[in-house]
N, C-alpha and C. Protein backbone atom coordinates (compact mmCIF):
# COMPACT_ATOMS: atom_id res chain seq x y z
N MET A 1 103.06 -118.46 98.83
CA MET A 1 102.42 -118.79 98.44
C MET A 1 102.59 -120.13 97.54
N PRO A 2 102.31 -120.98 97.17
CA PRO A 2 102.39 -122.01 95.95
C PRO A 2 102.03 -121.83 95.05
N GLY A 3 100.68 -121.29 94.92
CA GLY A 3 99.63 -120.86 94.03
C GLY A 3 100.22 -119.88 92.74
N GLU A 4 100.74 -118.75 93.58
CA GLU A 4 100.93 -117.65 92.24
C GLU A 4 102.36 -118.20 91.93
N SER A 5 103.57 -118.89 92.42
CA SER A 5 104.31 -119.91 91.39
C SER A 5 104.15 -120.38 90.71
N ASN A 6 102.86 -121.23 90.72
CA ASN A 6 102.78 -121.51 89.30
C ASN A 6 101.94 -120.84 88.61
N PHE A 7 101.11 -119.74 88.82
CA PHE A 7 100.41 -118.62 88.20
C PHE A 7 102.22 -117.98 87.74
N LEU A 8 103.17 -117.95 87.96
CA LEU A 8 103.95 -116.83 87.40
C LEU A 8 105.02 -117.67 86.66
N ASP A 9 104.71 -119.13 86.20
CA ASP A 9 105.80 -119.84 85.53
C ASP A 9 104.70 -119.84 84.20
N ILE A 10 102.95 -119.96 84.37
CA ILE A 10 102.43 -119.68 82.92
C ILE A 10 102.69 -118.37 82.53
N ALA A 11 102.47 -117.95 83.12
CA ALA A 11 102.31 -116.65 82.87
C ALA A 11 104.46 -116.49 82.18
N ARG A 12 105.24 -116.48 82.47
CA ARG A 12 106.13 -116.46 81.98
C ARG A 12 106.27 -117.85 79.90
N VAL A 13 105.69 -119.07 80.99
CA VAL A 13 105.50 -119.96 79.58
C VAL A 13 104.22 -119.22 78.05
N ILE A 14 103.14 -118.47 78.67
CA ILE A 14 101.93 -118.18 77.86
C ILE A 14 103.38 -116.44 76.66
N GLN A 15 104.05 -115.13 77.72
CA GLN A 15 105.09 -114.47 76.87
C GLN A 15 105.84 -114.98 76.24
N LEU A 16 106.97 -116.34 76.13
CA LEU A 16 107.91 -117.02 75.66
C LEU A 16 106.94 -117.47 74.31
N ALA A 17 105.83 -118.40 74.23
CA ALA A 17 104.68 -118.76 73.34
C ALA A 17 104.95 -116.99 71.93
N VAL A 18 104.52 -116.51 72.51
CA VAL A 18 103.73 -115.56 72.20
C VAL A 18 105.07 -115.30 70.22
N ALA A 19 106.41 -115.22 70.76
CA ALA A 19 106.68 -115.29 69.58
C ALA A 19 106.46 -116.17 68.50
N PRO A 20 106.42 -116.80 69.04
CA PRO A 20 106.05 -119.15 68.62
C PRO A 20 105.04 -118.55 67.05
N VAL A 21 103.67 -117.98 68.14
CA VAL A 21 102.24 -117.47 67.89
C VAL A 21 102.80 -116.81 66.54
N PHE A 22 103.59 -115.88 66.29
CA PHE A 22 103.65 -114.10 65.46
C PHE A 22 104.44 -115.62 64.13
N LEU A 23 105.02 -116.28 64.58
CA LEU A 23 105.84 -117.22 63.26
C LEU A 23 104.82 -117.96 62.45
N LEU A 24 104.04 -118.38 63.50
CA LEU A 24 102.60 -119.07 63.38
C LEU A 24 101.96 -118.49 62.31
N THR A 25 101.58 -116.87 62.93
CA THR A 25 101.28 -116.64 61.28
C THR A 25 101.97 -116.04 60.42
N ALA A 26 102.84 -115.80 60.07
CA ALA A 26 103.63 -115.26 58.96
C ALA A 26 103.72 -116.70 57.71
N ILE A 27 103.77 -118.06 59.07
CA ILE A 27 103.81 -119.35 57.68
C ILE A 27 102.52 -119.24 57.15
N GLY A 28 101.16 -118.62 58.16
CA GLY A 28 99.99 -119.16 57.45
C GLY A 28 99.96 -118.07 56.10
N THR A 29 100.26 -116.32 56.18
CA THR A 29 100.26 -115.99 54.95
C THR A 29 100.99 -116.89 53.82
N ILE A 30 102.10 -117.01 54.11
CA ILE A 30 103.16 -117.32 52.77
C ILE A 30 102.37 -118.72 52.94
N ILE A 31 101.38 -119.93 53.51
CA ILE A 31 101.26 -121.22 52.74
C ILE A 31 99.62 -120.37 51.60
N ASN A 32 99.32 -119.40 52.46
CA ASN A 32 98.45 -118.53 51.66
C ASN A 32 98.33 -118.21 49.64
N VAL A 33 99.83 -117.13 50.04
CA VAL A 33 100.45 -116.63 48.66
C VAL A 33 100.81 -118.23 47.68
N LEU A 34 101.43 -119.15 48.61
CA LEU A 34 102.01 -120.26 48.23
C LEU A 34 100.42 -120.91 46.71
N ILE A 35 99.24 -121.51 47.26
CA ILE A 35 98.46 -121.55 47.37
C ILE A 35 97.82 -120.80 46.08
N GLN A 36 97.87 -119.16 46.64
CA GLN A 36 96.82 -118.79 45.12
C GLN A 36 98.63 -118.50 43.77
N ARG A 37 99.61 -118.21 43.92
CA ARG A 37 100.65 -118.99 43.22
C ARG A 37 99.90 -120.68 42.17
N LEU A 38 100.02 -121.69 42.95
CA LEU A 38 99.59 -123.10 42.18
C LEU A 38 98.05 -123.06 42.21
N GLY A 39 97.53 -122.51 42.38
CA GLY A 39 95.84 -121.42 41.07
C GLY A 39 96.39 -121.20 40.41
N ARG A 40 97.07 -120.49 40.40
CA ARG A 40 96.96 -119.53 39.33
C ARG A 40 98.16 -120.22 37.71
N ALA A 41 99.14 -121.14 38.33
CA ALA A 41 100.00 -122.14 37.49
C ALA A 41 99.13 -122.92 36.89
N LEU A 42 97.55 -124.01 38.06
CA LEU A 42 97.23 -125.13 37.55
C LEU A 42 96.54 -124.22 36.42
N ASP A 43 95.69 -123.12 36.36
CA ASP A 43 94.48 -122.09 35.48
C ASP A 43 95.61 -121.76 34.13
N ARG A 44 95.95 -121.33 34.26
CA ARG A 44 97.29 -122.07 32.82
C ARG A 44 97.59 -122.87 32.16
N ARG A 45 97.52 -123.56 32.87
CA ARG A 45 98.20 -125.49 32.70
C ARG A 45 96.88 -126.11 31.98
N ARG A 46 95.24 -125.44 32.27
CA ARG A 46 94.30 -125.66 32.05
C ARG A 46 94.45 -125.19 30.26
N ILE A 47 94.67 -123.23 30.79
CA ILE A 47 94.13 -122.88 29.35
C ILE A 47 94.98 -123.59 28.50
N ILE A 48 96.05 -123.75 28.73
CA ILE A 48 97.14 -124.48 27.34
C ILE A 48 96.14 -126.01 26.80
N GLU A 49 96.88 -126.30 27.82
CA GLU A 49 96.16 -128.25 27.25
C GLU A 49 95.02 -127.60 27.08
N GLU A 50 93.50 -127.46 26.63
CA GLU A 50 92.47 -127.41 26.48
C GLU A 50 92.96 -126.56 24.91
N GLN A 51 94.18 -125.36 24.53
CA GLN A 51 94.37 -125.33 23.31
C GLN A 51 95.50 -125.89 22.32
N VAL A 52 96.11 -127.15 23.29
CA VAL A 52 97.22 -127.41 22.40
C VAL A 52 96.93 -127.86 20.97
N PRO A 53 95.66 -128.67 21.87
CA PRO A 53 95.40 -129.94 20.06
C PRO A 53 94.67 -128.84 19.17
N HIS A 54 95.01 -127.62 19.33
CA HIS A 54 94.45 -126.08 17.68
C HIS A 54 95.58 -126.00 17.82
N ILE A 55 96.39 -126.04 17.66
CA ILE A 55 98.02 -124.76 17.41
C ILE A 55 99.36 -126.11 16.57
N GLU A 56 99.67 -125.20 15.63
CA GLU A 56 100.44 -126.02 14.59
C GLU A 56 101.65 -125.28 15.02
N GLY A 57 103.14 -125.38 14.18
CA GLY A 57 103.60 -125.05 14.30
C GLY A 57 104.55 -124.35 15.29
N GLU A 58 105.75 -123.42 15.06
CA GLU A 58 106.03 -122.75 16.39
C GLU A 58 105.72 -122.89 17.68
N VAL A 59 104.43 -121.89 17.59
CA VAL A 59 104.04 -121.48 18.74
C VAL A 59 103.49 -122.81 19.18
N LEU A 60 103.10 -124.05 19.22
CA LEU A 60 102.89 -125.80 19.53
C LEU A 60 104.52 -125.28 20.42
N GLY A 61 105.76 -125.52 20.02
CA GLY A 61 106.99 -125.62 20.61
C GLY A 61 106.80 -124.85 21.99
N ASP A 62 106.24 -123.52 21.45
CA ASP A 62 106.25 -122.81 22.49
C ASP A 62 105.40 -123.09 23.99
N ALA A 63 104.25 -123.37 23.44
CA ALA A 63 103.67 -123.93 24.31
C ALA A 63 103.91 -125.28 25.23
N GLU A 64 104.47 -125.70 24.47
CA GLU A 64 105.03 -127.03 24.53
C GLU A 64 106.29 -126.95 26.54
N VAL A 65 106.71 -125.72 25.69
CA VAL A 65 108.33 -124.86 26.36
C VAL A 65 106.94 -124.93 28.08
N GLU A 66 105.67 -123.98 27.39
CA GLU A 66 105.34 -122.83 28.72
C GLU A 66 104.81 -124.36 29.52
N LEU A 67 103.93 -125.60 29.07
CA LEU A 67 103.65 -126.73 29.76
C LEU A 67 104.84 -126.56 30.52
N SER A 68 105.87 -127.13 29.78
CA SER A 68 106.85 -127.81 30.91
C SER A 68 107.08 -127.04 32.56
N LEU A 69 107.45 -125.28 31.92
CA LEU A 69 108.06 -124.92 32.91
C LEU A 69 107.19 -124.56 34.11
N LEU A 70 104.91 -124.59 33.33
CA LEU A 70 104.22 -124.48 34.25
C LEU A 70 104.36 -126.33 35.17
N ASN A 71 104.27 -126.82 34.52
CA ASN A 71 104.93 -127.93 35.81
C ASN A 71 105.93 -128.66 36.52
N ARG A 72 107.60 -127.56 36.24
CA ARG A 72 108.20 -127.32 37.53
C ARG A 72 108.04 -126.19 38.15
N ARG A 73 106.97 -125.91 37.72
CA ARG A 73 106.41 -124.62 38.88
C ARG A 73 105.34 -124.98 40.05
N ILE A 74 104.41 -125.70 39.69
CA ILE A 74 103.33 -126.61 39.96
C ILE A 74 103.82 -127.43 41.44
N VAL A 75 105.03 -128.59 40.64
CA VAL A 75 105.97 -129.49 40.73
C VAL A 75 106.47 -128.35 42.78
N LEU A 76 107.34 -127.45 42.13
CA LEU A 76 107.91 -126.13 43.07
C LEU A 76 107.01 -125.00 44.27
N VAL A 77 105.74 -125.57 43.58
CA VAL A 77 105.07 -124.54 44.64
C VAL A 77 104.08 -126.06 45.81
N LEU A 78 103.92 -126.97 45.41
CA LEU A 78 103.52 -128.20 46.14
C LEU A 78 104.67 -128.41 47.04
N TRP A 79 105.51 -128.06 46.98
CA TRP A 79 106.84 -128.79 47.96
C TRP A 79 107.16 -127.48 49.00
N ALA A 80 107.01 -126.16 48.17
CA ALA A 80 106.96 -125.10 49.32
C ALA A 80 105.69 -125.49 50.16
N ILE A 81 104.70 -125.81 49.54
CA ILE A 81 103.68 -125.67 50.76
C ILE A 81 103.63 -126.85 51.70
N ALA A 82 104.29 -128.30 51.45
CA ALA A 82 104.12 -129.00 52.21
C ALA A 82 105.50 -128.49 53.48
N LEU A 83 106.43 -128.21 53.70
CA LEU A 83 107.57 -127.87 54.07
C LEU A 83 106.92 -126.63 54.39
N ALA A 84 105.72 -125.52 54.55
CA ALA A 84 105.94 -124.35 54.76
C ALA A 84 104.45 -125.06 56.28
N VAL A 85 103.43 -126.04 55.78
CA VAL A 85 102.94 -126.78 56.93
C VAL A 85 104.11 -127.31 57.48
N LEU A 86 105.04 -128.28 57.18
CA LEU A 86 105.84 -128.86 58.11
C LEU A 86 106.08 -128.19 59.31
N ALA A 87 106.20 -126.92 58.16
CA ALA A 87 107.56 -125.69 59.17
C ALA A 87 105.93 -125.05 60.53
N GLY A 88 104.85 -124.26 60.09
CA GLY A 88 103.93 -124.65 61.21
C GLY A 88 103.57 -125.59 61.90
N THR A 89 103.55 -127.64 61.47
CA THR A 89 103.40 -128.00 62.68
C THR A 89 104.01 -127.90 63.43
N LEU A 90 105.71 -127.94 63.75
CA LEU A 90 107.07 -127.38 64.24
C LEU A 90 106.86 -127.25 65.20
N VAL A 91 106.58 -125.95 65.12
CA VAL A 91 105.32 -124.70 66.01
C VAL A 91 105.00 -124.37 66.32
N CYS A 92 103.59 -125.39 65.90
CA CYS A 92 102.59 -126.30 66.90
C CYS A 92 103.41 -126.51 68.15
N LEU A 93 104.50 -127.66 67.51
CA LEU A 93 104.48 -128.49 68.98
C LEU A 93 105.54 -128.19 69.72
N LEU A 94 106.49 -127.31 68.94
CA LEU A 94 107.12 -126.12 70.00
C LEU A 94 106.28 -125.29 71.01
N ILE A 95 104.95 -124.29 70.93
CA ILE A 95 104.62 -124.00 71.38
C ILE A 95 103.13 -125.36 73.14
N GLY A 96 103.27 -126.33 72.61
CA GLY A 96 103.10 -127.72 73.18
C GLY A 96 104.32 -127.78 74.23
N VAL A 97 104.94 -128.56 73.00
CA VAL A 97 105.84 -128.17 74.48
C VAL A 97 106.54 -127.60 75.31
N ALA A 98 106.54 -125.91 74.86
CA ALA A 98 106.66 -125.20 75.92
C ALA A 98 105.63 -124.30 77.35
N PHE A 99 104.47 -125.25 76.84
CA PHE A 99 103.11 -125.13 78.09
C PHE A 99 103.43 -126.52 79.16
N ALA A 100 104.16 -126.88 78.10
CA ALA A 100 104.47 -128.79 78.99
C ALA A 100 105.12 -128.89 79.64
N GLY A 101 106.79 -127.89 78.96
CA GLY A 101 107.71 -128.04 80.41
C GLY A 101 107.58 -127.04 81.34
N ALA A 102 106.13 -126.21 81.37
CA ALA A 102 105.53 -125.83 82.63
C ALA A 102 105.46 -126.62 83.86
N PHE A 103 104.95 -127.35 83.30
CA PHE A 103 103.99 -128.63 84.16
C PHE A 103 104.75 -130.12 84.39
N VAL A 104 105.90 -129.88 84.13
CA VAL A 104 106.74 -130.77 84.44
C VAL A 104 108.01 -130.81 84.21
N GLU A 105 108.41 -131.40 85.17
CA GLU A 105 110.20 -131.22 86.21
C GLU A 105 110.99 -131.40 84.88
N THR A 106 110.69 -131.74 83.99
CA THR A 106 112.08 -132.55 83.31
C THR A 106 112.29 -131.39 82.69
N ASN A 107 113.60 -130.78 82.41
CA ASN A 107 114.21 -129.47 81.05
C ASN A 107 113.49 -129.72 79.76
N LEU A 108 112.95 -129.28 79.79
CA LEU A 108 112.40 -129.42 77.55
C LEU A 108 113.59 -128.39 77.40
N VAL A 109 114.33 -127.68 77.79
CA VAL A 109 114.83 -126.29 76.93
C VAL A 109 115.60 -127.10 75.48
N ARG A 110 116.35 -127.66 75.76
CA ARG A 110 116.84 -128.52 74.13
C ARG A 110 115.71 -129.04 73.01
N VAL A 111 114.84 -129.46 73.42
CA VAL A 111 113.65 -129.96 72.32
C VAL A 111 112.79 -128.74 71.72
N VAL A 112 112.73 -127.95 72.80
CA VAL A 112 112.14 -126.69 72.20
C VAL A 112 113.15 -126.07 71.26
N ALA A 113 114.33 -125.88 71.69
CA ALA A 113 115.43 -125.32 70.81
C ALA A 113 115.46 -126.06 69.62
N ALA A 114 115.59 -126.99 69.69
CA ALA A 114 115.45 -128.42 68.01
C ALA A 114 114.05 -127.42 67.19
N LEU A 115 112.76 -127.67 68.02
CA LEU A 115 111.73 -127.45 67.43
C LEU A 115 111.90 -126.18 66.36
N PHE A 116 112.45 -125.17 67.50
CA PHE A 116 112.21 -123.75 66.80
C PHE A 116 113.64 -123.36 65.85
N VAL A 117 115.01 -124.66 65.94
CA VAL A 117 115.86 -124.35 64.61
C VAL A 117 115.04 -124.42 62.87
N GLY A 118 114.12 -126.12 63.72
CA GLY A 118 113.77 -127.30 62.58
C GLY A 118 112.77 -126.76 61.53
N ALA A 119 112.20 -125.69 62.92
CA ALA A 119 111.41 -124.99 62.34
C ALA A 119 111.39 -123.52 61.39
N VAL A 120 112.74 -123.68 61.58
CA VAL A 120 112.52 -122.47 60.74
C VAL A 120 113.80 -122.27 59.88
N THR A 121 114.82 -123.86 59.88
CA THR A 121 115.37 -124.20 59.35
C THR A 121 114.43 -124.77 58.17
N VAL A 122 113.67 -125.66 58.00
CA VAL A 122 112.73 -126.09 57.20
C VAL A 122 111.88 -124.43 56.38
N LEU A 123 111.66 -123.69 57.09
CA LEU A 123 110.91 -122.43 55.90
C LEU A 123 111.41 -122.04 55.48
N THR A 124 112.51 -122.23 55.76
CA THR A 124 113.92 -121.39 54.34
C THR A 124 113.92 -122.15 53.13
N VAL A 125 114.10 -123.10 53.68
CA VAL A 125 113.69 -124.12 51.98
C VAL A 125 112.79 -124.28 51.44
N ALA A 126 111.79 -123.93 52.04
CA ALA A 126 110.15 -123.43 52.04
C ALA A 126 110.32 -122.21 51.71
N LEU A 127 111.01 -121.49 51.45
CA LEU A 127 111.04 -120.18 51.09
C LEU A 127 111.78 -119.82 49.51
N LEU A 128 113.26 -120.70 50.16
CA LEU A 128 114.09 -120.46 48.84
C LEU A 128 112.88 -121.76 47.79
N LEU A 129 112.34 -122.21 47.98
CA LEU A 129 111.88 -123.38 46.48
C LEU A 129 110.68 -122.18 46.27
N PHE A 130 110.18 -121.01 46.92
CA PHE A 130 109.55 -119.73 46.50
C PHE A 130 110.08 -119.19 45.54
N LEU A 131 111.36 -118.93 45.65
CA LEU A 131 111.81 -117.72 45.06
C LEU A 131 112.18 -118.64 44.09
N ARG A 132 112.67 -119.81 44.19
CA ARG A 132 113.00 -120.36 42.94
C ARG A 132 111.39 -120.57 41.71
N GLU A 133 110.60 -120.63 42.39
CA GLU A 133 109.18 -120.52 41.72
C GLU A 133 109.41 -118.98 40.62
N VAL A 134 108.93 -118.70 42.00
CA VAL A 134 109.24 -116.72 41.01
C VAL A 134 109.54 -116.53 40.59
N LEU A 135 111.40 -116.87 40.39
CA LEU A 135 112.08 -116.89 39.23
C LEU A 135 112.11 -117.42 37.64
N ILE A 136 111.68 -118.86 37.57
CA ILE A 136 111.00 -119.31 36.84
C ILE A 136 109.35 -119.00 35.88
N ALA A 137 109.08 -118.29 36.67
CA ALA A 137 107.54 -118.06 36.33
C ALA A 137 108.30 -116.21 34.91
N ALA A 138 108.97 -115.98 36.48
CA ALA A 138 109.49 -114.17 35.81
C ALA A 138 110.11 -115.18 34.52
N TRP A 139 111.02 -115.51 34.43
CA TRP A 139 112.33 -116.00 33.19
C TRP A 139 110.94 -116.12 31.90
N GLY A 140 110.01 -117.12 32.88
CA GLY A 140 108.98 -117.29 31.40
C GLY A 140 108.24 -116.45 30.42
N ALA A 141 107.54 -115.54 31.39
CA ALA A 141 106.79 -114.74 31.51
C ALA A 141 107.90 -113.30 30.49
N HIS A 142 108.84 -113.31 31.20
CA HIS A 142 110.13 -112.38 30.05
C HIS A 142 110.56 -112.95 28.18
N ARG A 143 110.44 -114.25 29.24
CA ARG A 143 110.83 -115.01 27.38
C ARG A 143 109.77 -114.93 26.42
N THR A 144 108.52 -114.94 26.78
CA THR A 144 107.67 -115.44 26.23
C THR A 144 107.19 -113.88 25.23
N GLY A 145 107.99 -112.73 25.38
CA GLY A 145 107.41 -110.96 24.76
C GLY A 145 106.30 -110.91 24.63
N VAL A 146 105.98 -111.67 23.44
CA VAL A 146 104.14 -111.77 22.75
C VAL A 146 103.36 -112.38 23.92
N PRO A 147 102.29 -112.48 23.76
CA PRO A 147 100.97 -113.02 24.42
C PRO A 147 101.00 -114.53 23.63
N TYR A 148 100.95 -115.32 23.93
CA TYR A 148 100.29 -116.67 22.58
C TYR A 148 98.98 -116.10 22.14
N GLN A 149 98.63 -115.55 20.59
CA GLN A 149 97.35 -116.17 20.52
C GLN A 149 95.60 -116.95 21.51
N PHE A 150 96.34 -117.44 22.01
CA PHE A 150 95.45 -118.24 22.55
C PHE A 150 95.92 -117.93 24.30
N ALA A 151 96.82 -117.19 25.31
CA ALA A 151 96.72 -116.47 26.28
C ALA A 151 95.55 -116.36 26.94
N ARG A 152 94.51 -115.73 26.51
CA ARG A 152 93.17 -115.20 27.18
C ARG A 152 92.33 -115.64 26.11
N VAL A 153 91.31 -116.38 27.39
CA VAL A 153 90.02 -116.95 26.40
C VAL A 153 88.78 -116.80 26.62
N ASP A 154 87.92 -116.42 26.18
CA ASP A 154 87.11 -115.83 26.01
C ASP A 154 86.05 -116.61 26.81
N ARG A 155 85.22 -115.71 28.22
CA ARG A 155 84.19 -116.56 28.69
C ARG A 155 83.20 -116.24 29.06
N THR A 156 82.19 -117.30 28.62
CA THR A 156 81.01 -116.64 29.33
C THR A 156 80.76 -116.96 30.43
N LYS A 157 79.74 -115.67 30.74
CA LYS A 157 78.75 -115.45 31.48
C LYS A 157 78.32 -116.48 32.64
N ASP A 158 78.70 -117.74 32.33
CA ASP A 158 77.00 -118.71 32.49
C ASP A 158 76.64 -118.70 33.72
N THR A 159 75.23 -118.86 34.56
CA THR A 159 75.19 -119.01 35.89
C THR A 159 74.53 -120.29 35.96
N ALA A 160 74.28 -120.35 36.79
CA ALA A 160 73.20 -121.78 37.40
C ALA A 160 71.84 -120.84 36.96
N ALA A 161 71.23 -119.99 36.44
CA ALA A 161 70.13 -119.44 37.08
C ALA A 161 69.97 -119.46 34.93
N THR A 162 70.88 -119.44 34.18
CA THR A 162 70.49 -119.28 33.36
C THR A 162 70.79 -119.99 32.40
N LYS A 163 71.13 -121.39 33.18
CA LYS A 163 70.74 -122.40 32.08
C LYS A 163 70.26 -122.77 32.19
């Protein structure tokens, strides 16, 4: 039966596409973690920048060093996010090319392999940048030892209803 052959080809492609879909799920989770770290670094930078005009002496130098570290962390996380998104895009292309290969008479094995290697390579670089950001954050936290007097800012619980 001619239709049965096409069905088996599609079933085989779906089976081969499952592994990249799991990779895509992992990349999405990594992007979520990176965005959370970016948010925390940005929030910390805002708190310190609000307090810098009121700081004097040795604490001002410490605050400037921490701002510098936060800026490095933010840049690293942004690059890691960009590379993780690129890796996810390559995986999506890989899945699309794998399905297209089932319907086209052309051999797309090399293209699929290149997309997979590219996605894994880019994801590896993104993870290395993430590791570097975590190490900088850990070093910065260890370096301070004692929290600055402005480490926590009292926030009021103003809501739209009370304003």
